[in-house]
Amino acid sequence: MNDPLHIGIVGCSAEGAALCYRTLCAEAPALLGRAHAHPEVSMHTPSLAAYVDRLDRGDLQGVADLMLASATKLAAIGADFLICPDNTLHQAFDRVAPRSPRPWLHIADEVARVAAARGFRRVGVLGTHWLVKSEVYPQALQAFGIEAVRPDDADRDALGRIIMDELVPGIVKPVSVAALQRIVERLAARGCDAVVLGCTELPLMLGDHNTALPTLDSTRLLARAALAQAVRAQRPA
């Protein structure tokens, strides 16, 4: 029997990385046909403060260097390919991929692929203020002929505050859930037919069960793409 590929997780914030890891382990048995089975998974996570410092300074090369340091450590312990369950860091992806010791899956590309398969045409993007201002999702969605819609400035700032002050440390407040729901409602009023949960912590507050639009859960979609890759390209035992 062949072994699934070894998945390396380049972590950033704890809640998003943990949800990605849990999804890998929880959903793998159905693919592998055996209870409790999942691919080998390793994760490396530098201090979140180091990432935030570089993002605040607009230092994308510094972000890339941190990601590459994790990639090198994961490659050294046998990871076959890499994922990063953090949308914001993908601003630096073009600086990472050419120098990486292992191939990567790109979170926004995986989300865009699913959005296209589900027939969405105009998609709202939720995430940190860094992510919403960036071209990460507009570029990925445009490749599939999908329009990306950013929240207005006030909603972007509210999103950033809720994400960094509450979701990153794992705090869920009903008043903040309601605020995020209203942001989704405003995107629906602007003609969006779906919304990207473009922060890997957003599923702690939002999902198809409580929003005005279908959601594209970037955390779980990346984990599922990684599982499919690990199983599809198995190594000989």
Protein backbone atom coordinates (compact mmCIF):
# COMPACT_ATOMS: atom_id res chain seq x y z
CA MET A 1 0.00 0.00 0.00
CA ASN A 2 1.32 3.44 -0.89
CA ASP A 3 1.67 6.20 1.70
CA PRO A 4 0.07 9.63 1.30
CA LEU A 5 2.44 12.52 0.88
CA HIS A 6 3.74 14.31 3.97
CA ILE A 7 1.98 17.68 4.35
CA GLY A 8 3.94 20.62 5.77
CA ILE A 9 1.96 23.45 7.36
CA VAL A 10 3.62 26.86 7.41
CA GLY A 11 1.69 28.32 10.33
CA CYS A 12 1.01 31.91 11.23
CA SER A 13 -1.83 32.43 13.74
CA ALA A 14 -2.82 29.65 16.11
CA GLU A 15 -6.58 29.43 15.52
CA GLY A 16 -6.35 29.29 11.74
CA ALA A 17 -3.49 26.79 11.75
CA ALA A 18 -5.29 24.63 14.32
CA LEU A 19 -8.51 24.55 12.29
CA CYS A 20 -6.55 23.56 9.19
CA TYR A 21 -4.75 20.79 11.08
CA ARG A 22 -7.98 19.50 12.63
CA THR A 23 -9.66 19.43 9.22
CA LEU A 24 -6.80 17.43 7.74
CA CYS A 25 -7.02 14.84 10.47
CA ALA A 26 -10.82 14.72 10.72
CA GLU A 27 -11.59 14.42 7.01
CA ALA A 28 -8.73 12.13 5.94
CA PRO A 29 -10.28 8.81 7.09
CA ALA A 30 -13.08 9.14 4.53
CA LEU A 31 -10.50 9.51 1.75
CA LEU A 32 -8.16 6.83 3.02
CA GLY A 33 -10.87 4.33 3.89
CA ARG A 34 -9.58 3.60 7.37
CA ALA A 35 -10.62 4.94 10.77
CA HIS A 36 -8.16 7.41 12.32
CA ALA A 37 -5.92 7.43 9.22
CA HIS A 38 -4.43 10.67 7.91
CA PRO A 39 -1.28 11.73 6.07
CA GLU A 40 1.82 12.61 7.99
CA VAL A 41 1.53 16.28 8.96
CA SER A 42 4.18 18.62 10.32
CA MET A 43 3.87 22.28 11.22
CA HIS A 44 6.29 25.09 11.94
CA THR A 45 5.13 28.44 13.29
CA PRO A 46 7.32 31.44 14.12
CA SER A 47 6.04 34.06 16.53
CA LEU A 48 2.94 35.78 15.17
CA ALA A 49 4.40 39.06 16.43
CA ALA A 50 7.24 38.69 13.93
CA TYR A 51 4.76 38.47 11.07
CA VAL A 52 2.62 41.36 12.35
CA ASP A 53 5.69 43.58 12.68
CA ARG A 54 6.64 42.96 9.07
CA LEU A 55 3.08 43.40 7.79
CA ASP A 56 2.74 46.70 9.65
CA ARG A 57 5.92 47.92 7.96
CA GLY A 58 4.82 46.69 4.53
CA ASP A 59 7.90 44.43 4.50
CA LEU A 60 6.74 41.64 2.20
CA GLN A 61 10.29 40.40 1.73
CA GLY A 62 10.51 39.98 5.49
CA VAL A 63 7.24 38.03 5.43
CA ALA A 64 8.61 35.84 2.64
CA ASP A 65 11.82 35.21 4.58
CA LEU A 66 9.85 33.97 7.60
CA MET A 67 7.75 31.70 5.39
CA LEU A 68 10.86 30.35 3.69
CA ALA A 69 12.52 29.67 7.06
CA SER A 70 9.53 27.52 7.98
CA ALA A 71 9.56 25.86 4.57
CA THR A 72 13.23 24.94 4.94
CA LYS A 73 12.67 23.38 8.36
CA LEU A 74 9.65 21.43 7.15
CA ALA A 75 11.50 20.18 4.08
CA ALA A 76 14.36 19.03 6.31
CA ILE A 77 12.01 16.76 8.27
CA GLY A 78 10.45 15.25 5.17
CA ALA A 79 7.47 17.37 4.09
CA ASP A 80 6.67 16.69 0.43
CA PHE A 81 4.67 19.87 -0.17
CA LEU A 82 3.56 22.92 1.78
CA ILE A 83 0.46 24.90 2.66
CA CYS A 84 0.00 28.13 4.60
CA PRO A 85 -3.37 28.52 6.36
CA ASP A 86 -3.12 32.29 6.37
CA ASN A 87 -4.53 34.37 3.54
CA THR A 88 -2.73 37.60 4.40
CA LEU A 89 0.72 36.05 4.10
CA HIS A 90 0.00 35.10 0.50
CA GLN A 91 0.78 38.70 -0.45
CA ALA A 92 4.39 37.49 -0.29
CA PHE A 93 3.79 34.23 -2.17
CA ASP A 94 5.49 35.37 -5.39
CA ARG A 95 8.65 35.97 -3.35
CA VAL A 96 8.38 32.56 -1.69
CA ALA A 97 7.55 30.06 -4.42
CA PRO A 98 10.67 30.53 -6.62
CA ARG A 99 13.00 30.00 -3.63
CA SER A 100 11.09 27.28 -1.84
CA PRO A 101 12.61 23.85 -1.26
CA ARG A 102 9.16 22.28 -1.76
CA PRO A 103 6.10 23.04 -3.91
CA TRP A 104 3.08 24.82 -2.42
CA LEU A 105 -0.67 24.96 -2.78
CA HIS A 106 -1.90 28.58 -2.91
CA ILE A 107 -4.90 29.20 -0.66
CA ALA A 108 -6.60 31.78 -2.89
CA ASP A 109 -6.15 29.65 -6.00
CA GLU A 110 -7.86 26.74 -4.25
CA VAL A 111 -10.74 28.97 -3.14
CA ALA A 112 -11.12 30.47 -6.60
CA ARG A 113 -11.21 27.01 -8.15
CA VAL A 114 -14.09 26.00 -5.90
CA ALA A 115 -15.88 29.31 -6.48
CA ALA A 116 -15.75 28.69 -10.23
CA ALA A 117 -16.94 25.11 -9.85
CA ARG A 118 -19.92 26.34 -7.84
CA GLY A 119 -20.80 28.90 -10.48
CA PHE A 120 -20.22 32.07 -8.49
CA ARG A 121 -19.60 35.22 -10.52
CA ARG A 122 -19.27 38.10 -8.02
CA VAL A 123 -17.63 37.27 -4.71
CA GLY A 124 -17.14 39.43 -1.63
CA VAL A 125 -13.79 39.18 0.15
CA LEU A 126 -13.58 39.23 3.93
CA GLY A 127 -10.25 39.31 5.74
CA THR A 128 -7.69 41.43 7.56
CA HIS A 129 -7.18 45.01 6.42
CA TRP A 130 -3.89 43.87 4.83
CA LEU A 131 -5.65 41.14 2.85
CA VAL A 132 -8.64 43.22 1.76
CA LYS A 133 -6.35 45.96 0.40
CA SER A 134 -4.22 43.43 -1.48
CA GLU A 135 -4.59 41.77 -4.88
CA VAL A 136 -4.45 38.22 -3.49
CA TYR A 137 -8.12 37.42 -4.12
CA PRO A 138 -8.88 39.79 -7.00
CA GLN A 139 -6.04 38.19 -8.94
CA ALA A 140 -6.95 34.61 -8.07
CA LEU A 141 -10.66 35.08 -8.79
CA GLN A 142 -10.07 37.03 -12.00
CA ALA A 143 -8.19 34.03 -13.40
CA PHE A 144 -11.54 32.22 -13.35
CA GLY A 145 -13.55 35.15 -14.65
CA ILE A 146 -14.96 36.00 -11.21
CA GLU A 147 -15.23 39.55 -9.91
CA ALA A 148 -13.88 40.26 -6.41
CA VAL A 149 -15.72 42.84 -4.31
CA ARG A 150 -13.99 44.49 -1.36
CA PRO A 151 -15.90 45.77 1.69
CA ASP A 152 -16.00 49.55 2.03
CA ASP A 153 -13.40 51.25 4.22
CA ALA A 154 -15.50 51.27 7.41
CA ASP A 155 -16.35 47.58 7.07
CA ARG A 156 -12.73 46.75 6.24
CA ASP A 157 -11.56 48.47 9.41
CA ALA A 158 -14.21 46.70 11.51
CA LEU A 159 -13.17 43.37 10.02
CA GLY A 160 -9.53 44.02 10.81
CA ARG A 161 -10.29 44.91 14.41
CA ILE A 162 -12.51 41.89 15.03
CA ILE A 163 -10.02 39.53 13.43
CA MET A 164 -6.88 40.75 15.16
CA ASP A 165 -8.35 41.66 18.57
CA GLU A 166 -10.85 38.82 18.94
CA LEU A 167 -10.58 35.95 16.49
CA VAL A 168 -6.80 35.59 16.49
CA PRO A 169 -6.82 35.04 20.29
CA GLY A 170 -9.89 32.80 19.93
CA ILE A 171 -12.53 35.18 21.35
CA VAL A 172 -16.05 34.95 19.91
CA LYS A 173 -18.48 37.73 20.84
CA PRO A 174 -22.14 37.65 19.71
CA VAL A 175 -22.02 41.39 19.00
CA SER A 176 -19.10 40.84 16.64
CA VAL A 177 -20.85 37.94 14.91
CA ALA A 178 -23.78 40.28 14.27
CA ALA A 179 -21.43 42.96 12.94
CA LEU A 180 -19.86 40.50 10.50
CA GLN A 181 -23.30 39.31 9.40
CA ARG A 182 -24.24 42.89 8.55
CA ILE A 183 -21.07 43.27 6.49
CA VAL A 184 -22.08 40.18 4.49
CA GLU A 185 -25.59 41.60 4.05
CA ARG A 186 -24.12 44.78 2.61
CA LEU A 187 -22.02 42.75 0.16
CA ALA A 188 -25.15 40.86 -0.86
CA ALA A 189 -26.87 44.20 -1.50
CA ARG A 190 -23.98 45.09 -3.82
CA GLY A 191 -24.72 42.04 -5.95
CA CYS A 192 -22.35 39.45 -4.50
CA ASP A 193 -23.46 35.84 -4.84
CA ALA A 194 -20.96 34.42 -2.33
CA VAL A 195 -18.36 35.58 0.17
CA VAL A 196 -14.82 34.35 0.82
CA LEU A 197 -13.95 33.80 4.46
CA GLY A 198 -10.50 35.13 3.62
CA CYS A 199 -9.19 34.99 7.16
CA THR A 200 -8.61 31.48 8.43
CA GLU A 201 -10.20 32.39 11.79
CA LEU A 202 -13.46 33.71 10.32
CA PRO A 203 -15.13 30.24 10.40
CA LEU A 204 -15.15 30.63 14.18
CA MET A 205 -17.92 33.22 13.65
CA LEU A 206 -19.35 32.78 10.17
CA GLY A 207 -20.56 29.99 7.91
CA ASP A 208 -23.39 28.99 5.61
CA HIS A 209 -25.60 28.50 8.68
CA ASN A 210 -25.65 32.16 9.71
CA THR A 211 -24.88 34.39 6.72
CA ALA A 212 -26.91 35.99 3.93
CA LEU A 213 -24.59 34.52 1.29
CA PRO A 214 -22.93 31.14 0.65
CA THR A 215 -19.46 31.09 2.19
CA LEU A 216 -16.14 29.90 0.80
CA ASP A 217 -14.23 28.71 3.87
CA SER A 218 -10.60 29.23 2.89
CA THR A 219 -9.26 27.22 5.83
CA ARG A 220 -11.17 24.05 5.12
CA LEU A 221 -10.90 24.38 1.35
CA LEU A 222 -7.11 24.55 1.62
CA ALA A 223 -7.03 21.55 3.95
CA ARG A 224 -9.23 19.54 1.57
CA ALA A 225 -7.05 20.45 -1.40
CA ALA A 226 -3.98 19.34 0.57
CA LEU A 227 -5.63 16.03 1.44
CA ALA A 228 -6.52 15.44 -2.20
CA GLN A 229 -2.95 16.23 -3.26
CA ALA A 230 -1.47 13.97 -0.57
CA VAL A 231 -3.65 11.04 -1.56
CA ARG A 232 -3.49 11.60 -5.34
CA ALA A 233 0.32 11.66 -5.44
CA GLN A 234 1.08 8.90 -2.95
CA ARG A 235 4.62 7.67 -2.37
CA PRO A 236 5.54 4.00 -2.71
CA ALA A 237 5.53 2.32 0.70
